[in-house]
């Protein structure tokens, strides 16, 4: 799963700390999400999407794994 958090945050000129405060997580969590080291829980994904006024699918890009 990839996400557009960094892109959306930069377009709105919001710092990682500001976004973290708004969605009640640490700045380190935002850094980990943006770098792809951590996948958001459904609740956190919802909060982030709501913050940007978008749907979860517009922020988080789910790619089906093919085996």
Protein backbone atom coordinates (compact mmCIF):
# COMPACT_ATOMS: atom_id res chain seq x y z
CA UNK A 1 0.00 0.00 0.00
CA UNK A 2 1.28 3.44 -0.88
CA UNK A 3 -0.08 6.80 0.13
CA UNK A 4 -0.19 10.43 -0.95
CA UNK A 5 0.25 11.94 2.52
CA UNK A 6 3.50 13.80 1.78
CA UNK A 7 2.15 15.12 -1.52
CA UNK A 8 -1.11 16.32 0.04
CA UNK A 9 0.61 17.77 3.08
CA UNK A 10 3.15 19.72 1.02
CA UNK A 11 0.48 21.03 -1.36
CA UNK A 12 -1.39 22.46 1.63
CA UNK A 13 1.83 23.69 3.29
CA UNK A 14 1.21 21.67 6.43
CA UNK A 15 4.18 20.44 8.46
CA UNK A 16 4.52 16.85 9.62
CA UNK A 17 4.10 18.08 13.20
CA UNK A 18 0.91 19.98 12.36
CA UNK A 19 -0.61 16.96 10.65
CA UNK A 20 0.45 14.72 13.53
CA UNK A 21 -1.22 17.03 16.05
CA UNK A 22 -4.39 17.22 13.96
CA UNK A 23 -4.79 13.42 13.75
CA UNK A 24 -3.48 12.76 17.28
CA UNK A 25 -0.30 10.82 16.51
CA UNK A 26 3.40 11.59 16.82
CA UNK A 27 5.46 13.27 14.12
CA UNK A 28 7.44 10.03 13.91
CA UNK A 29 4.25 8.19 12.89
CA UNK A 30 3.72 10.64 10.04
CA UNK A 31 7.35 10.21 8.96
CA UNK A 32 6.92 6.42 9.01
CA UNK A 33 3.69 6.61 7.01
CA UNK A 34 5.22 8.89 4.38
CA UNK A 35 8.28 6.66 3.98
CA UNK A 36 6.18 3.50 3.70
CA UNK A 37 7.62 1.88 6.82
CA UNK A 38 4.21 1.82 8.51
CA UNK A 39 0.67 1.25 7.30
CA UNK A 40 -2.07 3.23 8.95
CA UNK A 41 -4.83 1.56 10.92
CA UNK A 42 -8.31 2.03 9.52
CA UNK A 43 -9.07 4.63 12.20
CA UNK A 44 -5.90 6.62 11.44
CA UNK A 45 -6.48 6.35 7.68
CA UNK A 46 -9.97 7.75 8.23
CA UNK A 47 -8.65 10.66 10.33
CA UNK A 48 -6.01 11.55 7.75
CA UNK A 49 -8.48 11.37 4.86
CA UNK A 50 -10.96 13.49 6.80
CA UNK A 51 -8.26 16.05 7.56
CA UNK A 52 -7.60 16.50 3.84
CA UNK A 53 -11.31 16.36 2.94
CA UNK A 54 -10.79 13.25 0.82
CA UNK A 55 -11.83 9.61 0.87
CA UNK A 56 -9.49 6.96 2.23
CA UNK A 57 -9.09 5.65 -1.33
CA UNK A 58 -7.91 9.06 -2.52
CA UNK A 59 -5.15 9.16 0.11
CA UNK A 60 -4.17 5.50 0.39
CA UNK A 61 -3.53 3.55 -2.79
CA UNK A 62 -4.28 -0.12 -2.38
CA UNK A 63 -2.51 -2.31 -4.90
CA UNK A 64 -3.67 -5.89 -5.24
CA UNK A 65 -0.92 -8.41 -4.91
CA UNK A 66 -0.70 -10.90 -7.72
CA UNK A 67 0.71 -14.33 -6.96
